[in-house]
Structures are given as C-alpha cells and as structure tokens.
Amino acid sequence: MKDPVCGMEVDEKAAYRSSYKGKTYAFCSASCKQNFDRNPDRYVK
C-alpha cells in the first residue's frame, strides 16, 4: 500500500491509518497522517 502523502510504500497494517469515503489509507508517520486528515481531497485522486 502506498502512503498517499509522501508516496512511500507502507504495510496495510501500519499504525497510522485513516478512512475517507469508505476507503482506508495507511501512512508512514503521524505527520503524513495529520497532513492527510487536514485536507484529504488534496491527496485522493
């Protein structure tokens, strides 16, 4: 699974995850998750 913020490959079971419009996204860090949570439309195509 790819972190939508930085593009890094991450495990689907990553500690940092968010759901948006019925889909779950995984992140490499708390920082990437926070950026996504602030403005998910910026990262979801």
C-alpha atoms as a PDB file:
ATOM      1  CA  MET A   1       0.000   0.000   0.000  1.00  0.00           C
ATOM      2  CA  LYS A   2       1.294   3.478  -0.814  1.00  0.00           C
ATOM      3  CA  ASP A   3       1.219   6.442   1.571  1.00  0.00           C
ATOM      4  CA  PRO A   4      -0.901   8.987  -0.367  1.00  0.00           C
ATOM      5  CA  VAL A   5       1.001  11.925   1.136  1.00  0.00           C
ATOM      6  CA  CYS A   6       4.663  11.048   0.507  1.00  0.00           C
ATOM      7  CA  GLY A   7       4.347   8.056  -1.834  1.00  0.00           C
ATOM      8  CA  MET A   8       6.324   5.704   0.398  1.00  0.00           C
ATOM      9  CA  GLU A   9       5.362   2.013   0.451  1.00  0.00           C
ATOM     10  CA  VAL A  10       3.806   1.068   3.805  1.00  0.00           C
ATOM     11  CA  ASP A  11       2.306  -2.067   5.305  1.00  0.00           C
ATOM     12  CA  GLU A  12      -1.506  -2.204   5.177  1.00  0.00           C
ATOM     13  CA  LYS A  13      -1.412  -2.842   8.923  1.00  0.00           C
ATOM     14  CA  ALA A  14       0.562   0.342   9.582  1.00  0.00           C
ATOM     15  CA  ALA A  15      -0.065   2.025  12.915  1.00  0.00           C
ATOM     16  CA  TYR A  16      -1.117   5.232  11.169  1.00  0.00           C
ATOM     17  CA  ARG A  17      -4.375   4.847   9.264  1.00  0.00           C
ATOM     18  CA  SER A  18      -7.358   6.954   8.262  1.00  0.00           C
ATOM     19  CA  SER A  19     -10.610   6.200   6.496  1.00  0.00           C
ATOM     20  CA  TYR A  20     -12.040   8.546   3.902  1.00  0.00           C
ATOM     21  CA  LYS A  21     -15.085   7.990   1.693  1.00  0.00           C
ATOM     22  CA  GLY A  22     -15.194   4.321   2.617  1.00  0.00           C
ATOM     23  CA  LYS A  23     -11.535   3.596   1.864  1.00  0.00           C
ATOM     24  CA  THR A  24      -8.697   3.057   4.354  1.00  0.00           C
ATOM     25  CA  TYR A  25      -5.343   4.752   3.827  1.00  0.00           C
ATOM     26  CA  ALA A  26      -2.072   3.866   5.576  1.00  0.00           C
ATOM     27  CA  PHE A  27       0.741   6.287   6.385  1.00  0.00           C
ATOM     28  CA  CYS A  28       4.447   6.035   7.163  1.00  0.00           C
ATOM     29  CA  SER A  29       4.273   8.559  10.011  1.00  0.00           C
ATOM     30  CA  ALA A  30       1.995  10.591  12.239  1.00  0.00           C
ATOM     31  CA  SER A  31       2.981  13.676  10.253  1.00  0.00           C
ATOM     32  CA  CYS A  32       1.741  12.218   6.945  1.00  0.00           C
ATOM     33  CA  LYS A  33      -1.491  11.120   8.631  1.00  0.00           C
ATOM     34  CA  GLN A  34      -2.052  14.609  10.058  1.00  0.00           C
ATOM     35  CA  ASN A  35      -1.484  16.230   6.661  1.00  0.00           C
ATOM     36  CA  PHE A  36      -3.970  13.834   5.058  1.00  0.00           C
ATOM     37  CA  ASP A  37      -6.570  14.342   7.812  1.00  0.00           C
ATOM     38  CA  ARG A  38      -6.397  18.131   7.402  1.00  0.00           C
ATOM     39  CA  ASN A  39      -7.141  18.011   3.665  1.00  0.00           C
ATOM     40  CA  PRO A  40      -7.827  14.512   2.275  1.00  0.00           C
ATOM     41  CA  ASP A  41      -9.120  15.775  -1.085  1.00  0.00           C
ATOM     42  CA  ARG A  42      -5.629  17.090  -1.811  1.00  0.00           C
ATOM     43  CA  TYR A  43      -4.194  13.555  -1.676  1.00  0.00           C
ATOM     44  CA  VAL A  44      -7.066  11.437  -3.032  1.00  0.00           C
ATOM     45  CA  LYS A  45      -7.389  11.443  -6.785  1.00  0.00           C
END
